[in-house]
Structure formats: structure tokens, C-alpha cells
């Protein structure tokens, strides 16, 4: 089970590691690893802030861009029957397939 935590404006995926009996946090959107572990939610938030601060500091020291860049393009493979259905739905809505998919994705991430 994964959950999301916002730490200083940065999103981290939180999971539980049963071997370590600790929560594990992993920031998304960073250009490298800034994982963190703790045994409570409060400690996880503290460790996350510390890990993020260290990561950003090292990036600044080494003149490395800390954030991943995205082109805005990606390929999605779906079954042919689903492709046909969403193309029909887009046409019925009077928009392109690209616009239809973009709107569906925006609804899912609540933006």
C-alpha cells in the first residue's frame, strides 16, 4: 500500500518496509535519490525534510538540476477495443483524442 505525503511542497510516496519495520519515503520528481526512513509519521516527516534539504544542498554545490524535466509526451499502450472506445468518446465530445486523454488525466490527478 502506497500513500502520498507532502513535505515542504514536494511529493513523496510512502510505503511500509516490513523487513525494516519502518516507513519508507521516496520523493517523486527529483533528479536523484532522496529516500528516507522512520518508524512514525512525525519522524518520517522530519527525516523527509532533512533528506530533501541535503539533496537540494548537494545539487546546488555540484551545479546539478535537482528536478526531472518532462517533455509533455508519453506513449500509452492500450487494448485495441479501448482505443476505439476512447476515440469514439472523444469524437462524441467534439474534441481530439489528445484533448480527451488530457482531460481524463487531469480529472484523475485533480488539477
N, C-alpha and C. Protein backbone atom coordinates (compact mmCIF):
# COMPACT_ATOMS: atom_id res chain seq x y z
N UNK A 1 0.84 -1.18 0.00
CA UNK A 1 0.00 0.00 0.00
C UNK A 1 0.89 1.24 0.00
N UNK A 2 0.65 2.14 -0.92
CA UNK A 2 1.40 3.39 -1.00
C UNK A 2 0.51 4.57 -0.65
N UNK A 3 1.08 5.54 -0.03
CA UNK A 3 0.41 6.78 0.31
C UNK A 3 1.31 7.92 -0.10
N UNK A 4 0.74 9.10 -0.13
CA UNK A 4 1.49 10.28 -0.54
C UNK A 4 1.59 11.25 0.64
N UNK A 5 2.75 11.86 0.77
CA UNK A 5 2.98 12.86 1.81
C UNK A 5 3.61 14.08 1.14
N UNK A 6 3.15 15.26 1.53
CA UNK A 6 3.74 16.49 1.02
C UNK A 6 4.70 17.02 2.08
N UNK A 7 5.95 17.19 1.68
CA UNK A 7 6.97 17.69 2.60
C UNK A 7 7.60 18.91 1.96
N UNK A 8 7.35 20.05 2.56
CA UNK A 8 7.90 21.32 2.08
C UNK A 8 7.62 21.54 0.59
N UNK A 9 6.39 21.21 0.17
CA UNK A 9 5.99 21.42 -1.21
C UNK A 9 6.43 20.34 -2.18
N UNK A 10 7.02 19.28 -1.68
CA UNK A 10 7.50 18.18 -2.52
C UNK A 10 6.71 16.92 -2.19
N UNK A 11 6.33 16.17 -3.21
CA UNK A 11 5.55 14.95 -3.03
C UNK A 11 6.47 13.76 -2.79
N UNK A 12 6.11 12.97 -1.80
CA UNK A 12 6.84 11.73 -1.51
C UNK A 12 5.85 10.58 -1.45
N UNK A 13 6.23 9.46 -2.03
CA UNK A 13 5.44 8.24 -1.95
C UNK A 13 5.88 7.51 -0.69
N UNK A 14 4.92 7.13 0.13
CA UNK A 14 5.22 6.48 1.41
C UNK A 14 4.74 5.03 1.35
N UNK A 15 5.62 4.14 1.75
CA UNK A 15 5.26 2.72 1.83
C UNK A 15 5.80 2.18 3.16
N UNK A 16 5.46 0.95 3.46
CA UNK A 16 5.95 0.32 4.67
C UNK A 16 6.87 -0.82 4.31
N UNK A 17 8.06 -0.83 4.90
CA UNK A 17 9.03 -1.89 4.66
C UNK A 17 8.97 -2.87 5.84
N UNK A 18 8.34 -4.03 5.65
CA UNK A 18 8.20 -4.97 6.77
C UNK A 18 9.51 -5.56 7.25
N UNK A 19 10.51 -5.64 6.37
CA UNK A 19 11.81 -6.18 6.79
C UNK A 19 12.50 -5.25 7.77
N UNK A 20 12.35 -3.96 7.57
CA UNK A 20 12.96 -2.97 8.46
C UNK A 20 11.99 -2.51 9.55
N UNK A 21 10.70 -2.87 9.38
CA UNK A 21 9.65 -2.43 10.29
C UNK A 21 9.61 -0.90 10.38
N UNK A 22 9.78 -0.26 9.21
CA UNK A 22 9.77 1.19 9.16
C UNK A 22 9.02 1.66 7.91
N UNK A 23 8.59 2.91 7.99
CA UNK A 23 8.03 3.56 6.81
C UNK A 23 9.18 4.01 5.93
N UNK A 24 8.94 3.99 4.62
CA UNK A 24 9.94 4.45 3.66
C UNK A 24 9.31 5.54 2.82
N UNK A 25 10.03 6.63 2.66
CA UNK A 25 9.58 7.72 1.80
C UNK A 25 10.52 7.87 0.63
N UNK A 26 9.93 8.19 -0.52
CA UNK A 26 10.74 8.41 -1.72
C UNK A 26 10.12 9.59 -2.47
N UNK A 27 10.90 10.65 -2.65
CA UNK A 27 10.40 11.84 -3.34
C UNK A 27 10.24 11.55 -4.82
N UNK A 28 9.20 12.10 -5.40
CA UNK A 28 8.97 12.00 -6.83
C UNK A 28 9.44 13.28 -7.49
N UNK A 29 9.79 13.21 -8.75
CA UNK A 29 10.15 14.40 -9.50
C UNK A 29 11.56 14.90 -9.28
N UNK A 30 12.34 14.20 -8.47
CA UNK A 30 13.73 14.63 -8.25
C UNK A 30 14.64 13.90 -9.23
N UNK A 31 15.76 14.52 -9.50
CA UNK A 31 16.73 14.01 -10.45
C UNK A 31 17.71 13.02 -9.81
N UNK A 32 17.33 12.46 -8.69
CA UNK A 32 18.19 11.52 -7.99
C UNK A 32 17.45 11.00 -6.76
N UNK A 33 18.13 10.22 -5.98
CA UNK A 33 17.52 9.60 -4.82
C UNK A 33 17.59 10.46 -3.58
N UNK A 34 16.47 10.55 -2.90
CA UNK A 34 16.42 11.24 -1.61
C UNK A 34 15.45 10.45 -0.73
N UNK A 35 15.72 9.16 -0.59
CA UNK A 35 14.86 8.29 0.21
C UNK A 35 15.07 8.57 1.69
N UNK A 36 14.07 8.20 2.48
CA UNK A 36 14.17 8.41 3.92
C UNK A 36 13.31 7.38 4.63
N UNK A 37 13.69 7.05 5.87
CA UNK A 37 13.03 6.01 6.65
C UNK A 37 12.75 6.52 8.06
N UNK A 38 11.67 6.03 8.66
CA UNK A 38 11.36 6.35 10.05
C UNK A 38 10.30 5.38 10.55
N UNK A 39 10.11 5.37 11.88
CA UNK A 39 9.15 4.43 12.45
C UNK A 39 7.83 5.07 12.87
N UNK A 40 7.68 6.38 12.59
CA UNK A 40 6.42 7.05 12.88
C UNK A 40 6.18 8.12 11.82
N UNK A 41 4.96 8.57 11.72
CA UNK A 41 4.63 9.58 10.73
C UNK A 41 5.37 10.89 11.02
N UNK A 42 5.39 11.31 12.27
CA UNK A 42 6.10 12.55 12.62
C UNK A 42 7.59 12.45 12.31
N UNK A 43 8.19 11.33 12.66
CA UNK A 43 9.62 11.14 12.38
C UNK A 43 9.87 11.05 10.88
N UNK A 44 8.92 10.47 10.16
CA UNK A 44 9.05 10.37 8.71
C UNK A 44 9.06 11.76 8.09
N UNK A 45 8.19 12.63 8.56
CA UNK A 45 8.14 13.99 8.05
C UNK A 45 9.47 14.72 8.34
N UNK A 46 10.01 14.53 9.53
CA UNK A 46 11.29 15.15 9.90
C UNK A 46 12.44 14.61 9.05
N UNK A 47 12.50 13.29 8.91
CA UNK A 47 13.55 12.67 8.10
C UNK A 47 13.44 13.08 6.64
N UNK A 48 12.22 13.20 6.15
CA UNK A 48 12.00 13.64 4.78
C UNK A 48 12.50 15.04 4.55
N UNK A 49 12.21 15.94 5.48
CA UNK A 49 12.67 17.32 5.35
C UNK A 49 14.20 17.38 5.38
N UNK A 50 14.82 16.58 6.23
CA UNK A 50 16.28 16.54 6.32
C UNK A 50 16.88 15.97 5.04
N UNK A 51 16.31 14.89 4.53
CA UNK A 51 16.80 14.26 3.30
C UNK A 51 16.66 15.22 2.12
N UNK A 52 15.53 15.90 2.04
CA UNK A 52 15.30 16.85 0.95
C UNK A 52 16.29 18.01 1.03
N UNK A 53 16.49 18.53 2.21
CA UNK A 53 17.44 19.64 2.40
C UNK A 53 18.85 19.22 1.96
N UNK A 54 19.27 18.03 2.36
CA UNK A 54 20.60 17.53 1.98
C UNK A 54 20.70 17.35 0.48
N UNK A 55 19.68 16.75 -0.13
CA UNK A 55 19.68 16.51 -1.56
C UNK A 55 19.79 17.83 -2.33
N UNK A 56 18.97 18.80 -1.98
CA UNK A 56 18.97 20.09 -2.67
C UNK A 56 20.30 20.82 -2.47
N UNK A 57 20.88 20.69 -1.29
CA UNK A 57 22.17 21.32 -1.00
C UNK A 57 23.28 20.73 -1.85
N UNK A 58 23.31 19.40 -1.95
CA UNK A 58 24.33 18.72 -2.77
C UNK A 58 24.16 19.11 -4.23
N UNK A 59 22.93 19.17 -4.71
CA UNK A 59 22.69 19.58 -6.10
C UNK A 59 23.21 20.99 -6.34
N UNK A 60 22.97 21.88 -5.40
CA UNK A 60 23.43 23.26 -5.55
C UNK A 60 24.95 23.32 -5.56
N UNK A 61 25.58 22.59 -4.65
CA UNK A 61 27.05 22.52 -4.58
C UNK A 61 27.66 22.06 -5.89
N UNK A 62 27.04 21.05 -6.49
CA UNK A 62 27.60 20.42 -7.70
C UNK A 62 27.00 20.98 -8.99
N UNK A 63 26.19 22.02 -8.85
CA UNK A 63 25.56 22.66 -10.00
C UNK A 63 24.76 21.65 -10.84
N UNK A 64 23.96 20.85 -10.15
CA UNK A 64 23.11 19.83 -10.77
C UNK A 64 21.66 20.28 -10.66
N UNK A 65 20.92 20.16 -11.75
CA UNK A 65 19.49 20.47 -11.71
C UNK A 65 18.81 19.41 -10.83
N UNK A 66 18.15 19.82 -9.74
CA UNK A 66 17.57 18.83 -8.82
C UNK A 66 16.28 18.18 -9.29
N UNK A 67 15.60 18.78 -10.27
CA UNK A 67 14.29 18.29 -10.68
C UNK A 67 14.33 17.65 -12.06
N UNK A 68 13.59 16.58 -12.21
CA UNK A 68 13.44 15.93 -13.51
C UNK A 68 12.71 16.89 -14.44
N UNK A 69 13.03 16.79 -15.72
CA UNK A 69 12.29 17.56 -16.71
C UNK A 69 11.42 16.59 -17.51
N UNK A 70 10.30 17.08 -17.95
CA UNK A 70 9.35 16.26 -18.69
C UNK A 70 9.02 16.95 -20.00
N UNK A 71 8.92 16.16 -21.06
CA UNK A 71 8.66 16.70 -22.39
C UNK A 71 7.18 17.00 -22.61
N UNK A 72 6.32 16.38 -21.83
CA UNK A 72 4.89 16.53 -22.06
C UNK A 72 4.35 15.49 -23.03
N UNK A 73 5.21 14.55 -23.41
CA UNK A 73 4.79 13.49 -24.33
C UNK A 73 5.11 12.14 -23.71
N UNK A 74 4.19 11.19 -23.89
CA UNK A 74 4.47 9.81 -23.50
C UNK A 74 3.58 8.88 -24.31
N UNK A 75 4.03 7.66 -24.45
CA UNK A 75 3.30 6.66 -25.22
C UNK A 75 2.56 5.75 -24.26
N UNK A 76 1.31 5.52 -24.56
CA UNK A 76 0.50 4.62 -23.75
C UNK A 76 -0.03 3.51 -24.64
N UNK A 77 0.18 2.29 -24.24
CA UNK A 77 -0.35 1.16 -25.00
C UNK A 77 -1.61 0.66 -24.30
N UNK A 78 -2.68 0.56 -25.08
CA UNK A 78 -3.95 0.08 -24.55
C UNK A 78 -4.51 -0.97 -25.51
N UNK A 79 -5.42 -1.79 -25.04
CA UNK A 79 -6.05 -2.75 -25.95
C UNK A 79 -6.78 -2.02 -27.09
N UNK A 80 -6.83 -2.64 -28.27
CA UNK A 80 -7.44 -2.01 -29.44
C UNK A 80 -8.89 -1.61 -29.19
N UNK A 81 -9.65 -2.45 -28.46
CA UNK A 81 -11.05 -2.10 -28.21
C UNK A 81 -11.19 -0.86 -27.32
N UNK A 82 -10.27 -0.68 -26.39
CA UNK A 82 -10.29 0.52 -25.56
C UNK A 82 -9.92 1.74 -26.40
N UNK A 83 -8.93 1.59 -27.25
CA UNK A 83 -8.53 2.68 -28.15
C UNK A 83 -9.73 3.12 -28.98
N UNK A 84 -10.47 2.17 -29.52
CA UNK A 84 -11.65 2.50 -30.32
C UNK A 84 -12.70 3.23 -29.48
N UNK A 85 -12.93 2.76 -28.27
CA UNK A 85 -13.96 3.37 -27.40
C UNK A 85 -13.60 4.78 -27.00
N UNK A 86 -12.34 5.03 -26.65
CA UNK A 86 -11.98 6.39 -26.24
C UNK A 86 -11.95 7.33 -27.45
N UNK A 87 -11.60 6.82 -28.61
CA UNK A 87 -11.65 7.64 -29.83
C UNK A 87 -13.09 8.05 -30.11
N UNK A 88 -14.02 7.12 -29.95
CA UNK A 88 -15.44 7.42 -30.13
C UNK A 88 -15.91 8.44 -29.10
N UNK A 89 -15.49 8.26 -27.85
CA UNK A 89 -15.90 9.18 -26.78
C UNK A 89 -15.38 10.59 -27.05
N UNK A 90 -14.14 10.68 -27.52
CA UNK A 90 -13.57 11.99 -27.85
C UNK A 90 -14.35 12.64 -28.99
N UNK A 91 -14.64 11.85 -30.01
CA UNK A 91 -15.41 12.37 -31.15
C UNK A 91 -16.79 12.84 -30.72
N UNK A 92 -17.43 12.07 -29.86
CA UNK A 92 -18.76 12.44 -29.37
C UNK A 92 -18.71 13.73 -28.55
N UNK A 93 -17.58 13.96 -27.88
CA UNK A 93 -17.41 15.18 -27.09
C UNK A 93 -16.95 16.35 -27.96
N UNK A 94 -16.64 16.06 -29.23
CA UNK A 94 -16.22 17.12 -30.15
C UNK A 94 -14.81 17.61 -29.92
N UNK A 95 -13.98 16.73 -29.37
CA UNK A 95 -12.58 17.10 -29.10
C UNK A 95 -11.66 16.01 -29.65
N UNK A 96 -10.39 16.33 -29.74
CA UNK A 96 -9.42 15.35 -30.22
C UNK A 96 -9.17 14.28 -29.16
N UNK A 97 -8.63 13.16 -29.59
CA UNK A 97 -8.26 12.10 -28.65
C UNK A 97 -7.25 12.63 -27.63
N UNK A 98 -6.30 13.42 -28.09
CA UNK A 98 -5.30 14.00 -27.19
C UNK A 98 -5.98 14.86 -26.11
N UNK A 99 -6.91 15.72 -26.51
CA UNK A 99 -7.61 16.56 -25.54
C UNK A 99 -8.42 15.71 -24.56
N UNK A 100 -9.07 14.68 -25.09
CA UNK A 100 -9.89 13.81 -24.24
C UNK A 100 -9.02 13.13 -23.17
N UNK A 101 -7.89 12.58 -23.60
CA UNK A 101 -6.98 11.91 -22.66
C UNK A 101 -6.44 12.91 -21.64
N UNK A 102 -6.07 14.09 -22.11
CA UNK A 102 -5.55 15.12 -21.20
C UNK A 102 -6.59 15.46 -20.13
N UNK A 103 -7.83 15.63 -20.53
CA UNK A 103 -8.89 15.94 -19.57
C UNK A 103 -9.10 14.80 -18.58
N UNK A 104 -9.05 13.56 -19.08
CA UNK A 104 -9.20 12.40 -18.19
C UNK A 104 -8.06 12.34 -17.17
N UNK A 105 -6.86 12.60 -17.63
CA UNK A 105 -5.71 12.58 -16.71
C UNK A 105 -5.82 13.70 -15.69
N UNK A 106 -6.24 14.88 -16.12
CA UNK A 106 -6.41 15.99 -15.19
C UNK A 106 -7.45 15.67 -14.12
N UNK A 107 -8.53 15.03 -14.50
CA UNK A 107 -9.55 14.63 -13.51
C UNK A 107 -8.95 13.67 -12.49
N UNK A 108 -8.14 12.74 -12.97
CA UNK A 108 -7.58 11.73 -12.07
C UNK A 108 -6.58 12.30 -11.07
N UNK A 109 -5.82 13.31 -11.48
CA UNK A 109 -4.84 13.90 -10.55
C UNK A 109 -5.37 15.16 -9.89
N UNK A 110 -6.63 15.48 -10.17
CA UNK A 110 -7.34 16.58 -9.52
C UNK A 110 -6.66 17.93 -9.72
N UNK A 111 -6.32 18.25 -11.00
CA UNK A 111 -5.72 19.57 -11.26
C UNK A 111 -6.67 20.43 -12.07
